[in-house]
Amino acid sequence: MTGCIFCRIARHEAPACILYEDELIVAFRDRAPKAPVHLLVVPRKHVCNLADLQRQDQSLIAHIMMKLPQIARLSGLENGFRTVTNTGPGGRQEVYHLHFHILGGGTLPAI
């Protein structure tokens, strides 16, 4: 998708502090962090959100889930982390490109 900021970051057309990338995903620092460590993990493929996943996305979502702990460890989150994804307006999704937040590095409030 041309105008999507996360697609542009994945294509290296927009600036971001990228910490990890492979053929399927890109992980970068959030510009408005809500924790000492706040990363975003996005698929290179534009998928709007969890509700828009299709059967053919099974291997992509499995890849993301398996990489989240590795990316957290690369960022120094050895003691644990929180993973969040927002879906749709009721879930307070702001950027309509599937993404996972990795938060940690301090005492996070209970949810």
N, C-alpha and C. Protein backbone atom coordinates (compact mmCIF):
# COMPACT_ATOMS: atom_id res chain seq x y z
N MET A 1 0.86 -1.18 0.00
CA MET A 1 0.00 0.00 0.00
C MET A 1 0.90 1.24 0.00
N THR A 2 0.67 2.13 -0.89
CA THR A 2 1.56 3.27 -1.13
C THR A 2 1.66 4.23 0.04
N GLY A 3 0.55 4.68 0.62
CA GLY A 3 0.58 5.71 1.64
C GLY A 3 0.79 5.22 3.06
N CYS A 4 0.82 3.93 3.26
CA CYS A 4 0.94 3.37 4.62
C CYS A 4 2.34 3.61 5.18
N ILE A 5 2.42 4.26 6.33
CA ILE A 5 3.72 4.58 6.93
C ILE A 5 4.52 3.33 7.26
N PHE A 6 3.85 2.27 7.72
CA PHE A 6 4.59 1.05 8.06
C PHE A 6 5.09 0.34 6.80
N CYS A 7 4.33 0.38 5.72
CA CYS A 7 4.83 -0.16 4.45
C CYS A 7 6.05 0.62 3.99
N ARG A 8 5.98 1.94 4.14
CA ARG A 8 7.11 2.79 3.73
C ARG A 8 8.35 2.50 4.58
N ILE A 9 8.17 2.30 5.88
CA ILE A 9 9.30 1.95 6.75
C ILE A 9 9.87 0.60 6.33
N ALA A 10 9.01 -0.37 6.06
CA ALA A 10 9.46 -1.71 5.66
C ALA A 10 10.26 -1.67 4.35
N ARG A 11 9.92 -0.72 3.49
CA ARG A 11 10.64 -0.56 2.21
C ARG A 11 11.83 0.40 2.33
N HIS A 12 12.11 0.88 3.54
CA HIS A 12 13.19 1.84 3.79
C HIS A 12 12.96 3.16 3.06
N GLU A 13 11.70 3.54 2.91
CA GLU A 13 11.35 4.81 2.28
C GLU A 13 11.00 5.88 3.31
N ALA A 14 10.89 5.49 4.56
CA ALA A 14 10.62 6.42 5.65
C ALA A 14 11.59 6.10 6.78
N PRO A 15 12.03 7.10 7.53
CA PRO A 15 13.02 6.85 8.58
C PRO A 15 12.44 6.09 9.76
N ALA A 16 13.28 5.23 10.32
CA ALA A 16 12.94 4.50 11.54
C ALA A 16 14.22 3.91 12.09
N CYS A 17 14.23 3.69 13.39
CA CYS A 17 15.36 3.03 14.04
C CYS A 17 15.08 1.52 14.00
N ILE A 18 15.51 0.89 12.92
CA ILE A 18 15.24 -0.53 12.71
C ILE A 18 16.22 -1.36 13.54
N LEU A 19 15.65 -2.30 14.32
CA LEU A 19 16.47 -3.15 15.17
C LEU A 19 16.60 -4.56 14.63
N TYR A 20 15.63 -4.97 13.82
CA TYR A 20 15.65 -6.32 13.26
C TYR A 20 14.84 -6.31 11.98
N GLU A 21 15.28 -7.08 10.99
CA GLU A 21 14.48 -7.29 9.80
C GLU A 21 14.90 -8.58 9.13
N ASP A 22 13.94 -9.20 8.49
CA ASP A 22 14.19 -10.37 7.66
C ASP A 22 13.27 -10.27 6.46
N GLU A 23 13.13 -11.33 5.72
CA GLU A 23 12.34 -11.27 4.49
C GLU A 23 10.84 -11.05 4.72
N LEU A 24 10.36 -11.30 5.95
CA LEU A 24 8.92 -11.19 6.24
C LEU A 24 8.53 -10.05 7.16
N ILE A 25 9.43 -9.62 8.04
CA ILE A 25 9.07 -8.63 9.07
C ILE A 25 10.15 -7.58 9.27
N VAL A 26 9.73 -6.49 9.91
CA VAL A 26 10.65 -5.41 10.31
C VAL A 26 10.27 -5.02 11.74
N ALA A 27 11.28 -4.82 12.59
CA ALA A 27 11.06 -4.35 13.96
C ALA A 27 11.81 -3.05 14.16
N PHE A 28 11.12 -2.06 14.74
CA PHE A 28 11.73 -0.75 14.92
C PHE A 28 11.19 -0.09 16.19
N ARG A 29 11.91 0.92 16.65
CA ARG A 29 11.50 1.65 17.86
C ARG A 29 10.27 2.50 17.58
N ASP A 30 9.34 2.52 18.55
CA ASP A 30 8.16 3.36 18.45
C ASP A 30 8.58 4.82 18.65
N ARG A 31 8.02 5.71 17.87
CA ARG A 31 8.37 7.14 17.97
C ARG A 31 7.76 7.81 19.20
N ALA A 32 6.73 7.21 19.77
CA ALA A 32 6.08 7.75 20.97
C ALA A 32 6.03 6.64 22.02
N PRO A 33 7.19 6.31 22.60
CA PRO A 33 7.24 5.14 23.49
C PRO A 33 6.38 5.28 24.74
N LYS A 34 5.78 4.16 25.12
CA LYS A 34 4.96 4.08 26.32
C LYS A 34 5.66 3.29 27.42
N ALA A 35 6.90 2.90 27.17
CA ALA A 35 7.72 2.15 28.12
C ALA A 35 9.18 2.42 27.76
N PRO A 36 10.12 2.12 28.68
CA PRO A 36 11.53 2.33 28.36
C PRO A 36 11.96 1.64 27.06
N VAL A 37 11.45 0.45 26.81
CA VAL A 37 11.64 -0.23 25.53
C VAL A 37 10.26 -0.38 24.91
N HIS A 38 10.08 0.19 23.73
CA HIS A 38 8.80 0.11 23.02
C HIS A 38 9.11 -0.07 21.54
N LEU A 39 8.90 -1.28 21.07
CA LEU A 39 9.19 -1.63 19.69
C LEU A 39 7.91 -1.94 18.95
N LEU A 40 7.95 -1.81 17.65
CA LEU A 40 6.86 -2.24 16.79
C LEU A 40 7.40 -3.30 15.84
N VAL A 41 6.65 -4.37 15.68
CA VAL A 41 7.00 -5.43 14.76
C VAL A 41 5.90 -5.51 13.72
N VAL A 42 6.27 -5.32 12.45
CA VAL A 42 5.28 -5.26 11.37
C VAL A 42 5.66 -6.24 10.27
N PRO A 43 4.66 -6.86 9.65
CA PRO A 43 4.96 -7.67 8.47
C PRO A 43 5.25 -6.75 7.29
N ARG A 44 6.11 -7.19 6.39
CA ARG A 44 6.36 -6.43 5.17
C ARG A 44 5.10 -6.40 4.31
N LYS A 45 4.35 -7.50 4.33
CA LYS A 45 3.09 -7.58 3.58
C LYS A 45 2.06 -6.69 4.28
N HIS A 46 1.34 -5.91 3.53
CA HIS A 46 0.31 -5.07 4.14
C HIS A 46 -0.91 -5.93 4.47
N VAL A 47 -1.16 -6.06 5.76
CA VAL A 47 -2.37 -6.68 6.29
C VAL A 47 -2.94 -5.64 7.24
N CYS A 48 -4.20 -5.34 7.12
CA CYS A 48 -4.80 -4.26 7.90
C CYS A 48 -4.72 -4.52 9.40
N ASN A 49 -5.16 -5.68 9.84
CA ASN A 49 -5.13 -6.03 11.27
C ASN A 49 -5.45 -7.51 11.43
N LEU A 50 -5.53 -7.98 12.66
CA LEU A 50 -5.79 -9.40 12.92
C LEU A 50 -7.08 -9.87 12.27
N ALA A 51 -8.09 -9.02 12.24
CA ALA A 51 -9.39 -9.41 11.68
C ALA A 51 -9.30 -9.64 10.17
N ASP A 52 -8.27 -9.12 9.51
CA ASP A 52 -8.13 -9.27 8.07
C ASP A 52 -7.20 -10.41 7.66
N LEU A 53 -6.66 -11.15 8.63
CA LEU A 53 -5.79 -12.26 8.27
C LEU A 53 -6.57 -13.30 7.47
N GLN A 54 -5.90 -13.89 6.50
CA GLN A 54 -6.47 -14.93 5.65
C GLN A 54 -5.72 -16.24 5.90
N ARG A 55 -6.30 -17.33 5.43
CA ARG A 55 -5.67 -18.65 5.60
C ARG A 55 -4.23 -18.64 5.10
N GLN A 56 -3.97 -17.95 4.01
CA GLN A 56 -2.61 -17.92 3.45
C GLN A 56 -1.63 -17.15 4.33
N ASP A 57 -2.11 -16.46 5.36
CA ASP A 57 -1.25 -15.70 6.27
C ASP A 57 -0.79 -16.53 7.48
N GLN A 58 -1.17 -17.80 7.54
CA GLN A 58 -0.82 -18.62 8.71
C GLN A 58 0.67 -18.69 8.96
N SER A 59 1.45 -18.90 7.92
CA SER A 59 2.90 -19.00 8.13
C SER A 59 3.50 -17.65 8.51
N LEU A 60 2.94 -16.56 7.99
CA LEU A 60 3.40 -15.22 8.35
C LEU A 60 3.16 -14.95 9.83
N ILE A 61 1.95 -15.22 10.30
CA ILE A 61 1.64 -14.92 11.71
C ILE A 61 2.44 -15.84 12.63
N ALA A 62 2.66 -17.08 12.22
CA ALA A 62 3.50 -17.98 13.03
C ALA A 62 4.93 -17.45 13.09
N HIS A 63 5.43 -16.97 11.98
CA HIS A 63 6.78 -16.39 11.94
C HIS A 63 6.89 -15.21 12.91
N ILE A 64 5.91 -14.33 12.86
CA ILE A 64 5.92 -13.17 13.77
C ILE A 64 5.93 -13.63 15.22
N MET A 65 5.05 -14.55 15.56
CA MET A 65 4.94 -15.01 16.95
C MET A 65 6.25 -15.64 17.43
N MET A 66 6.91 -16.38 16.56
CA MET A 66 8.17 -17.02 16.94
C MET A 66 9.32 -16.01 17.05
N LYS A 67 9.24 -14.92 16.32
CA LYS A 67 10.31 -13.91 16.35
C LYS A 67 10.16 -12.91 17.48
N LEU A 68 8.95 -12.70 18.00
CA LEU A 68 8.75 -11.70 19.06
C LEU A 68 9.69 -11.90 20.25
N PRO A 69 9.83 -13.11 20.81
CA PRO A 69 10.76 -13.27 21.94
C PRO A 69 12.22 -12.98 21.56
N GLN A 70 12.62 -13.39 20.37
CA GLN A 70 13.99 -13.13 19.91
C GLN A 70 14.24 -11.63 19.80
N ILE A 71 13.30 -10.91 19.24
CA ILE A 71 13.45 -9.45 19.10
C ILE A 71 13.47 -8.79 20.47
N ALA A 72 12.64 -9.26 21.38
CA ALA A 72 12.64 -8.72 22.75
C ALA A 72 14.00 -8.94 23.41
N ARG A 73 14.56 -10.13 23.27
CA ARG A 73 15.88 -10.41 23.86
C ARG A 73 16.96 -9.54 23.23
N LEU A 74 16.90 -9.34 21.91
CA LEU A 74 17.87 -8.47 21.24
C LEU A 74 17.84 -7.05 21.80
N SER A 75 16.70 -6.67 22.35
CA SER A 75 16.52 -5.33 22.91
C SER A 75 16.78 -5.27 24.41
N GLY A 76 17.30 -6.36 24.97
CA GLY A 76 17.66 -6.38 26.38
C GLY A 76 16.54 -6.77 27.32
N LEU A 77 15.43 -7.25 26.79
CA LEU A 77 14.29 -7.61 27.64
C LEU A 77 14.39 -9.07 28.07
N GLU A 78 15.38 -9.35 28.92
CA GLU A 78 15.63 -10.71 29.40
C GLU A 78 14.66 -11.12 30.50
N ASN A 79 14.06 -10.15 31.18
CA ASN A 79 13.21 -10.42 32.34
C ASN A 79 11.72 -10.48 31.99
N GLY A 80 11.41 -10.39 30.71
CA GLY A 80 10.02 -10.44 30.29
C GLY A 80 9.62 -9.19 29.53
N PHE A 81 8.46 -9.26 28.91
CA PHE A 81 7.96 -8.16 28.09
C PHE A 81 6.46 -8.35 27.89
N ARG A 82 5.83 -7.30 27.43
CA ARG A 82 4.41 -7.34 27.10
C ARG A 82 4.29 -7.20 25.58
N THR A 83 3.37 -7.96 25.01
CA THR A 83 3.08 -7.87 23.59
C THR A 83 1.63 -7.46 23.43
N VAL A 84 1.39 -6.43 22.60
CA VAL A 84 0.03 -5.90 22.40
C VAL A 84 -0.18 -5.70 20.91
N THR A 85 -1.39 -6.01 20.45
CA THR A 85 -1.81 -5.60 19.11
C THR A 85 -3.23 -5.08 19.20
N ASN A 86 -3.48 -3.98 18.54
CA ASN A 86 -4.79 -3.34 18.56
C ASN A 86 -5.47 -3.64 17.22
N THR A 87 -6.77 -3.93 17.27
CA THR A 87 -7.51 -4.28 16.06
C THR A 87 -8.77 -3.44 15.96
N GLY A 88 -8.84 -2.63 14.92
CA GLY A 88 -10.04 -1.85 14.64
C GLY A 88 -10.23 -0.68 15.58
N PRO A 89 -11.25 0.13 15.30
CA PRO A 89 -11.49 1.32 16.12
C PRO A 89 -11.82 0.99 17.57
N GLY A 90 -12.53 -0.10 17.81
CA GLY A 90 -12.85 -0.49 19.18
C GLY A 90 -11.63 -0.94 19.95
N GLY A 91 -10.60 -1.40 19.24
CA GLY A 91 -9.34 -1.80 19.86
C GLY A 91 -8.32 -0.68 19.87
N ARG A 92 -8.74 0.52 19.46
CA ARG A 92 -7.90 1.72 19.42
C ARG A 92 -6.72 1.61 18.46
N GLN A 93 -6.95 0.90 17.34
CA GLN A 93 -5.91 0.82 16.32
C GLN A 93 -5.78 2.19 15.66
N GLU A 94 -4.55 2.68 15.55
CA GLU A 94 -4.31 3.99 14.95
C GLU A 94 -3.70 3.89 13.56
N VAL A 95 -2.81 2.94 13.35
CA VAL A 95 -2.22 2.72 12.03
C VAL A 95 -2.78 1.40 11.52
N TYR A 96 -3.45 1.45 10.39
CA TYR A 96 -4.13 0.26 9.87
C TYR A 96 -3.19 -0.58 9.01
N HIS A 97 -2.17 -1.07 9.68
CA HIS A 97 -1.23 -2.07 9.17
C HIS A 97 -0.94 -2.93 10.39
N LEU A 98 -1.19 -4.23 10.29
CA LEU A 98 -0.98 -5.13 11.42
C LEU A 98 0.38 -4.87 12.06
N HIS A 99 0.39 -4.69 13.36
CA HIS A 99 1.64 -4.49 14.08
C HIS A 99 1.50 -4.96 15.52
N PHE A 100 2.62 -5.38 16.06
CA PHE A 100 2.70 -5.84 17.44
C PHE A 100 3.63 -4.92 18.21
N HIS A 101 3.18 -4.47 19.36
CA HIS A 101 4.00 -3.67 20.26
C HIS A 101 4.72 -4.62 21.20
N ILE A 102 6.01 -4.42 21.38
CA ILE A 102 6.78 -5.09 22.43
C ILE A 102 7.14 -4.00 23.43
N LEU A 103 6.69 -4.18 24.67
CA LEU A 103 6.93 -3.18 25.72
C LEU A 103 7.65 -3.84 26.90
N GLY A 104 8.57 -3.11 27.48
CA GLY A 104 9.28 -3.62 28.66
C GLY A 104 10.34 -2.66 29.11
N GLY A 105 11.22 -3.18 29.95
CA GLY A 105 12.33 -2.39 30.44
C GLY A 105 12.03 -1.60 31.68
N GLY A 106 10.95 -1.89 32.35
CA GLY A 106 10.57 -1.21 33.57
C GLY A 106 9.34 -1.87 34.14
N THR A 107 8.77 -1.28 35.15
CA THR A 107 7.56 -1.80 35.75
C THR A 107 6.36 -1.32 34.94
N LEU A 108 5.72 -2.25 34.26
CA LEU A 108 4.55 -1.91 33.46
C LEU A 108 3.30 -1.98 34.34
N PRO A 109 2.35 -1.11 34.11
CA PRO A 109 1.12 -1.18 34.90
C PRO A 109 0.35 -2.45 34.57
N ALA A 110 -0.37 -2.96 35.54
CA ALA A 110 -1.21 -4.13 35.31
C ALA A 110 -2.32 -3.75 34.34
N ILE A 111 -2.77 -4.72 33.57
CA ILE A 111 -3.89 -4.45 32.66
C ILE A 111 -5.05 -5.37 32.97
